[in-house]
Amino acid sequence: MAVMQAGRRIPPFRLVVPFAFAGVLFYASILLYLLLYPLIYFYSRLLCVVSWYSLPTDKGILVVHDNSEHSSEWILKILPLPTERSRYLNWEDHKNWNRWSLPVQLFHQFGPHPIPQFFMPHSLPAVLVFRKFHAPKLFTFGDLSREAERKLEELHSLIATDISK
């Protein structure tokens, strides 16, 4: 009997506590994510509704750019957008943006989300088009985007349909 008890060792309490704590944190984070995800979804839909009713026309355009040479080339192609419906944000000043302004909230919710965050200048310029009763449409023209010319044509056709109405 003593031989069987010697083979069955109980780990010290100080070694069990960190693993138990990690397990509790793991399951608590999953539960928290499951509880908060519907709220995040509701918040994004609420931002869409607010943008629909705060826009002066049927479509609103949010352009986010940085001061790089690549971005300035694309901005010259994007600039023919109707300026009375466009809002421009400069990524170089993103630390000075008012966190609670509607364009900044829309960009943070629907704009590009590169991982890691310091790749954001490679995803810019970005254009967000908000149409009433539709989900926002994102167009990115940065170094990391694919088929940028096709996206530019799609962007111009999307805006032209509103102008022709």
C-alpha atoms as a PDB file:
ATOM      1  CA  MET A   1       0.000   0.000   0.000  1.00  0.00           C
ATOM      2  CA  ALA A   2       2.854   2.349   0.828  1.00  0.00           C
ATOM      3  CA  VAL A   3       4.359   1.658  -2.604  1.00  0.00           C
ATOM      4  CA  MET A   4       1.158   2.728  -4.359  1.00  0.00           C
ATOM      5  CA  GLN A   5       0.944   5.950  -2.369  1.00  0.00           C
ATOM      6  CA  ALA A   6       4.548   6.798  -3.117  1.00  0.00           C
ATOM      7  CA  GLY A   7       3.894   6.542  -6.884  1.00  0.00           C
ATOM      8  CA  ARG A   8       0.885   8.831  -6.637  1.00  0.00           C
ATOM      9  CA  ARG A   9       2.275  12.257  -5.804  1.00  0.00           C
ATOM     10  CA  ILE A  10       0.151  15.299  -5.354  1.00  0.00           C
ATOM     11  CA  PRO A  11       1.724  18.421  -6.855  1.00  0.00           C
ATOM     12  CA  PRO A  12       2.438  21.243  -4.435  1.00  0.00           C
ATOM     13  CA  PHE A  13      -0.288  23.840  -4.040  1.00  0.00           C
ATOM     14  CA  ARG A  14       1.934  26.646  -5.328  1.00  0.00           C
ATOM     15  CA  LEU A  15       2.264  24.849  -8.684  1.00  0.00           C
ATOM     16  CA  VAL A  16      -1.460  24.186  -9.069  1.00  0.00           C
ATOM     17  CA  VAL A  17      -2.645  27.747  -8.400  1.00  0.00           C
ATOM     18  CA  PRO A  18      -1.199  29.392 -11.564  1.00  0.00           C
ATOM     19  CA  PHE A  19      -2.679  26.721 -13.832  1.00  0.00           C
ATOM     20  CA  ALA A  20      -6.064  26.937 -12.137  1.00  0.00           C
ATOM     21  CA  PHE A  21      -5.984  30.733 -12.379  1.00  0.00           C
ATOM     22  CA  ALA A  22      -5.094  30.543 -16.092  1.00  0.00           C
ATOM     23  CA  GLY A  23      -7.974  28.154 -16.691  1.00  0.00           C
ATOM     24  CA  VAL A  24     -10.441  30.413 -14.898  1.00  0.00           C
ATOM     25  CA  LEU A  25      -9.220  33.434 -16.893  1.00  0.00           C
ATOM     26  CA  PHE A  26      -9.509  31.497 -20.153  1.00  0.00           C
ATOM     27  CA  TYR A  27     -13.131  30.512 -19.594  1.00  0.00           C
ATOM     28  CA  ALA A  28     -14.034  33.926 -18.181  1.00  0.00           C
ATOM     29  CA  SER A  29     -12.636  35.649 -21.292  1.00  0.00           C
ATOM     30  CA  ILE A  30     -14.669  33.357 -23.552  1.00  0.00           C
ATOM     31  CA  LEU A  31     -17.803  34.112 -21.551  1.00  0.00           C
ATOM     32  CA  LEU A  32     -17.084  37.850 -21.649  1.00  0.00           C
ATOM     33  CA  TYR A  33     -16.570  37.727 -25.427  1.00  0.00           C
ATOM     34  CA  LEU A  34     -19.866  35.871 -25.915  1.00  0.00           C
ATOM     35  CA  LEU A  35     -21.687  38.427 -23.795  1.00  0.00           C
ATOM     36  CA  LEU A  36     -20.127  41.519 -25.403  1.00  0.00           C
ATOM     37  CA  TYR A  37     -20.179  40.481 -29.068  1.00  0.00           C
ATOM     38  CA  PRO A  38     -23.909  41.255 -29.505  1.00  0.00           C
ATOM     39  CA  LEU A  39     -23.341  44.696 -27.961  1.00  0.00           C
ATOM     40  CA  ILE A  40     -20.487  45.426 -30.378  1.00  0.00           C
ATOM     41  CA  TYR A  41     -22.673  44.321 -33.291  1.00  0.00           C
ATOM     42  CA  PHE A  42     -25.531  46.513 -32.042  1.00  0.00           C
ATOM     43  CA  TYR A  43     -23.138  49.465 -31.702  1.00  0.00           C
ATOM     44  CA  SER A  44     -21.959  49.085 -35.318  1.00  0.00           C
ATOM     45  CA  ARG A  45     -25.562  48.967 -36.570  1.00  0.00           C
ATOM     46  CA  LEU A  46     -26.388  52.026 -34.457  1.00  0.00           C
ATOM     47  CA  LEU A  47     -23.450  53.885 -36.025  1.00  0.00           C
ATOM     48  CA  CYS A  48     -24.820  53.004 -39.469  1.00  0.00           C
ATOM     49  CA  VAL A  49     -28.245  54.407 -38.610  1.00  0.00           C
ATOM     50  CA  VAL A  50     -26.729  57.575 -37.140  1.00  0.00           C
ATOM     51  CA  SER A  51     -24.595  58.061 -40.254  1.00  0.00           C
ATOM     52  CA  TRP A  52     -27.618  57.564 -42.522  1.00  0.00           C
ATOM     53  CA  TYR A  53     -29.562  60.322 -40.806  1.00  0.00           C
ATOM     54  CA  SER A  54     -26.677  62.717 -40.265  1.00  0.00           C
ATOM     55  CA  LEU A  55     -25.559  62.663 -43.906  1.00  0.00           C
ATOM     56  CA  PRO A  56     -26.926  65.493 -46.037  1.00  0.00           C
ATOM     57  CA  THR A  57     -27.352  63.318 -49.155  1.00  0.00           C
ATOM     58  CA  ASP A  58     -27.978  59.677 -49.934  1.00  0.00           C
ATOM     59  CA  LYS A  59     -24.291  58.833 -49.812  1.00  0.00           C
ATOM     60  CA  GLY A  60     -21.529  60.011 -47.537  1.00  0.00           C
ATOM     61  CA  ILE A  61     -17.851  59.500 -48.205  1.00  0.00           C
ATOM     62  CA  LEU A  62     -15.061  59.272 -45.651  1.00  0.00           C
ATOM     63  CA  VAL A  63     -11.495  59.400 -46.993  1.00  0.00           C
ATOM     64  CA  VAL A  64      -8.571  58.555 -44.706  1.00  0.00           C
ATOM     65  CA  HIS A  65      -5.063  59.159 -46.010  1.00  0.00           C
ATOM     66  CA  ASP A  66      -1.535  59.715 -44.802  1.00  0.00           C
ATOM     67  CA  ASN A  67       1.225  61.978 -46.103  1.00  0.00           C
ATOM     68  CA  SER A  68       3.154  59.301 -47.994  1.00  0.00           C
ATOM     69  CA  GLU A  69       3.987  59.556 -51.678  1.00  0.00           C
ATOM     70  CA  HIS A  70       1.917  56.470 -52.504  1.00  0.00           C
ATOM     71  CA  SER A  71      -1.086  57.900 -50.709  1.00  0.00           C
ATOM     72  CA  SER A  72      -0.812  61.255 -52.466  1.00  0.00           C
ATOM     73  CA  GLU A  73      -0.782  59.514 -55.882  1.00  0.00           C
ATOM     74  CA  TRP A  74      -4.025  57.744 -55.060  1.00  0.00           C
ATOM     75  CA  ILE A  75      -5.598  60.822 -53.506  1.00  0.00           C
ATOM     76  CA  LEU A  76      -5.195  62.621 -56.848  1.00  0.00           C
ATOM     77  CA  LYS A  77      -7.188  59.811 -58.473  1.00  0.00           C
ATOM     78  CA  ILE A  78      -9.791  59.792 -55.704  1.00  0.00           C
ATOM     79  CA  LEU A  79     -10.181  63.599 -55.429  1.00  0.00           C
ATOM     80  CA  PRO A  80     -12.782  63.910 -58.211  1.00  0.00           C
ATOM     81  CA  LEU A  81     -15.257  62.711 -55.581  1.00  0.00           C
ATOM     82  CA  PRO A  82     -17.977  65.211 -54.763  1.00  0.00           C
ATOM     83  CA  THR A  83     -16.408  67.268 -51.995  1.00  0.00           C
ATOM     84  CA  GLU A  84     -19.639  68.454 -50.414  1.00  0.00           C
ATOM     85  CA  ARG A  85     -20.293  64.876 -49.307  1.00  0.00           C
ATOM     86  CA  SER A  86     -16.719  63.949 -48.422  1.00  0.00           C
ATOM     87  CA  ARG A  87     -14.923  64.103 -45.101  1.00  0.00           C
ATOM     88  CA  TYR A  88     -11.146  63.790 -45.027  1.00  0.00           C
ATOM     89  CA  LEU A  89      -9.044  62.470 -42.154  1.00  0.00           C
ATOM     90  CA  ASN A  90      -5.261  62.513 -42.129  1.00  0.00           C
ATOM     91  CA  TRP A  91      -3.731  59.443 -40.467  1.00  0.00           C
ATOM     92  CA  GLU A  92      -0.628  61.412 -39.518  1.00  0.00           C
ATOM     93  CA  ASP A  93      -2.821  63.379 -37.066  1.00  0.00           C
ATOM     94  CA  HIS A  94      -4.728  60.359 -35.723  1.00  0.00           C
ATOM     95  CA  LYS A  95      -3.443  60.937 -32.189  1.00  0.00           C
ATOM     96  CA  ASN A  96      -5.081  64.382 -32.238  1.00  0.00           C
ATOM     97  CA  TRP A  97      -8.448  63.190 -33.587  1.00  0.00           C
ATOM     98  CA  ASN A  98     -11.493  63.750 -31.427  1.00  0.00           C
ATOM     99  CA  ARG A  99     -12.347  60.179 -30.368  1.00  0.00           C
ATOM    100  CA  TRP A 100     -16.058  60.877 -30.153  1.00  0.00           C
ATOM    101  CA  SER A 101     -16.584  62.577 -33.516  1.00  0.00           C
ATOM    102  CA  LEU A 102     -18.736  60.620 -35.940  1.00  0.00           C
ATOM    103  CA  PRO A 103     -16.144  60.299 -38.768  1.00  0.00           C
ATOM    104  CA  VAL A 104     -13.532  58.942 -36.354  1.00  0.00           C
ATOM    105  CA  GLN A 105     -16.002  56.471 -34.835  1.00  0.00           C
ATOM    106  CA  LEU A 106     -17.029  55.318 -38.316  1.00  0.00           C
ATOM    107  CA  PHE A 107     -13.409  54.851 -39.340  1.00  0.00           C
ATOM    108  CA  HIS A 108     -12.560  52.856 -36.227  1.00  0.00           C
ATOM    109  CA  GLN A 109     -15.612  50.633 -36.640  1.00  0.00           C
ATOM    110  CA  PHE A 110     -15.650  50.079 -40.421  1.00  0.00           C
ATOM    111  CA  GLY A 111     -12.181  51.085 -41.645  1.00  0.00           C
ATOM    112  CA  PRO A 112      -9.276  48.761 -42.352  1.00  0.00           C
ATOM    113  CA  HIS A 113      -7.921  46.798 -39.390  1.00  0.00           C
ATOM    114  CA  PRO A 114      -4.423  45.586 -40.233  1.00  0.00           C
ATOM    115  CA  ILE A 115      -2.664  43.322 -37.790  1.00  0.00           C
ATOM    116  CA  PRO A 116      -0.366  44.601 -36.310  1.00  0.00           C
ATOM    117  CA  GLN A 117      -1.696  48.125 -36.072  1.00  0.00           C
ATOM    118  CA  PHE A 118       1.509  49.781 -37.290  1.00  0.00           C
ATOM    119  CA  PHE A 119       0.727  48.421 -40.787  1.00  0.00           C
ATOM    120  CA  MET A 120      -2.117  50.956 -41.054  1.00  0.00           C
ATOM    121  CA  PRO A 121      -0.146  53.405 -43.258  1.00  0.00           C
ATOM    122  CA  HIS A 122       0.311  50.539 -45.747  1.00  0.00           C
ATOM    123  CA  SER A 123      -3.494  50.170 -45.944  1.00  0.00           C
ATOM    124  CA  LEU A 124      -4.105  53.837 -46.707  1.00  0.00           C
ATOM    125  CA  PRO A 125      -5.638  55.677 -48.446  1.00  0.00           C
ATOM    126  CA  ALA A 126      -9.000  54.175 -47.586  1.00  0.00           C
ATOM    127  CA  VAL A 127     -12.426  55.330 -48.696  1.00  0.00           C
ATOM    128  CA  LEU A 128     -15.605  54.442 -46.827  1.00  0.00           C
ATOM    129  CA  VAL A 129     -18.896  54.949 -48.654  1.00  0.00           C
ATOM    130  CA  PHE A 130     -22.038  55.130 -46.525  1.00  0.00           C
ATOM    131  CA  ARG A 131     -25.310  54.637 -48.391  1.00  0.00           C
ATOM    132  CA  LYS A 132     -28.672  54.872 -46.702  1.00  0.00           C
ATOM    133  CA  PHE A 133     -30.087  51.486 -45.725  1.00  0.00           C
ATOM    134  CA  HIS A 134     -26.919  49.652 -46.839  1.00  0.00           C
ATOM    135  CA  ALA A 135     -23.836  48.421 -45.038  1.00  0.00           C
ATOM    136  CA  PRO A 136     -20.765  50.656 -45.440  1.00  0.00           C
ATOM    137  CA  LYS A 137     -18.467  49.813 -48.329  1.00  0.00           C
ATOM    138  CA  LEU A 138     -14.685  49.969 -47.789  1.00  0.00           C
ATOM    139  CA  PHE A 139     -12.145  50.641 -50.531  1.00  0.00           C
ATOM    140  CA  THR A 140      -8.426  50.482 -49.691  1.00  0.00           C
ATOM    141  CA  PHE A 141      -5.702  51.615 -52.066  1.00  0.00           C
ATOM    142  CA  GLY A 142      -2.574  51.122 -49.964  1.00  0.00           C
ATOM    143  CA  ASP A 143       0.526  49.033 -50.588  1.00  0.00           C
ATOM    144  CA  LEU A 144      -1.174  45.978 -49.103  1.00  0.00           C
ATOM    145  CA  SER A 145      -4.369  46.189 -51.164  1.00  0.00           C
ATOM    146  CA  ARG A 146      -4.993  44.051 -54.212  1.00  0.00           C
ATOM    147  CA  GLU A 147      -6.700  45.050 -57.453  1.00  0.00           C
ATOM    148  CA  ALA A 148      -6.606  48.743 -56.633  1.00  0.00           C
ATOM    149  CA  GLU A 149      -7.518  49.865 -60.163  1.00  0.00           C
ATOM    150  CA  ARG A 150     -10.629  47.677 -60.157  1.00  0.00           C
ATOM    151  CA  LYS A 151     -11.584  49.078 -56.753  1.00  0.00           C
ATOM    152  CA  LEU A 152     -11.159  52.617 -58.078  1.00  0.00           C
ATOM    153  CA  GLU A 153     -13.482  51.884 -61.009  1.00  0.00           C
ATOM    154  CA  GLU A 154     -16.022  50.338 -58.646  1.00  0.00           C
ATOM    155  CA  LEU A 155     -15.790  53.369 -56.366  1.00  0.00           C
ATOM    156  CA  HIS A 156     -16.348  55.806 -59.235  1.00  0.00           C
ATOM    157  CA  SER A 157     -19.284  53.770 -60.571  1.00  0.00           C
ATOM    158  CA  LEU A 158     -20.846  53.607 -57.103  1.00  0.00           C
ATOM    159  CA  ILE A 159     -20.618  57.377 -56.749  1.00  0.00           C
ATOM    160  CA  ALA A 160     -21.727  58.014 -60.336  1.00  0.00           C
ATOM    161  CA  THR A 161     -24.978  56.128 -59.768  1.00  0.00           C
ATOM    162  CA  ASP A 162     -25.883  58.613 -57.056  1.00  0.00           C
ATOM    163  CA  ILE A 163     -24.988  61.638 -59.199  1.00  0.00           C
ATOM    164  CA  SER A 164     -27.072  60.419 -62.134  1.00  0.00           C
ATOM    165  CA  LYS A 165     -30.213  60.094 -59.967  1.00  0.00           C
END
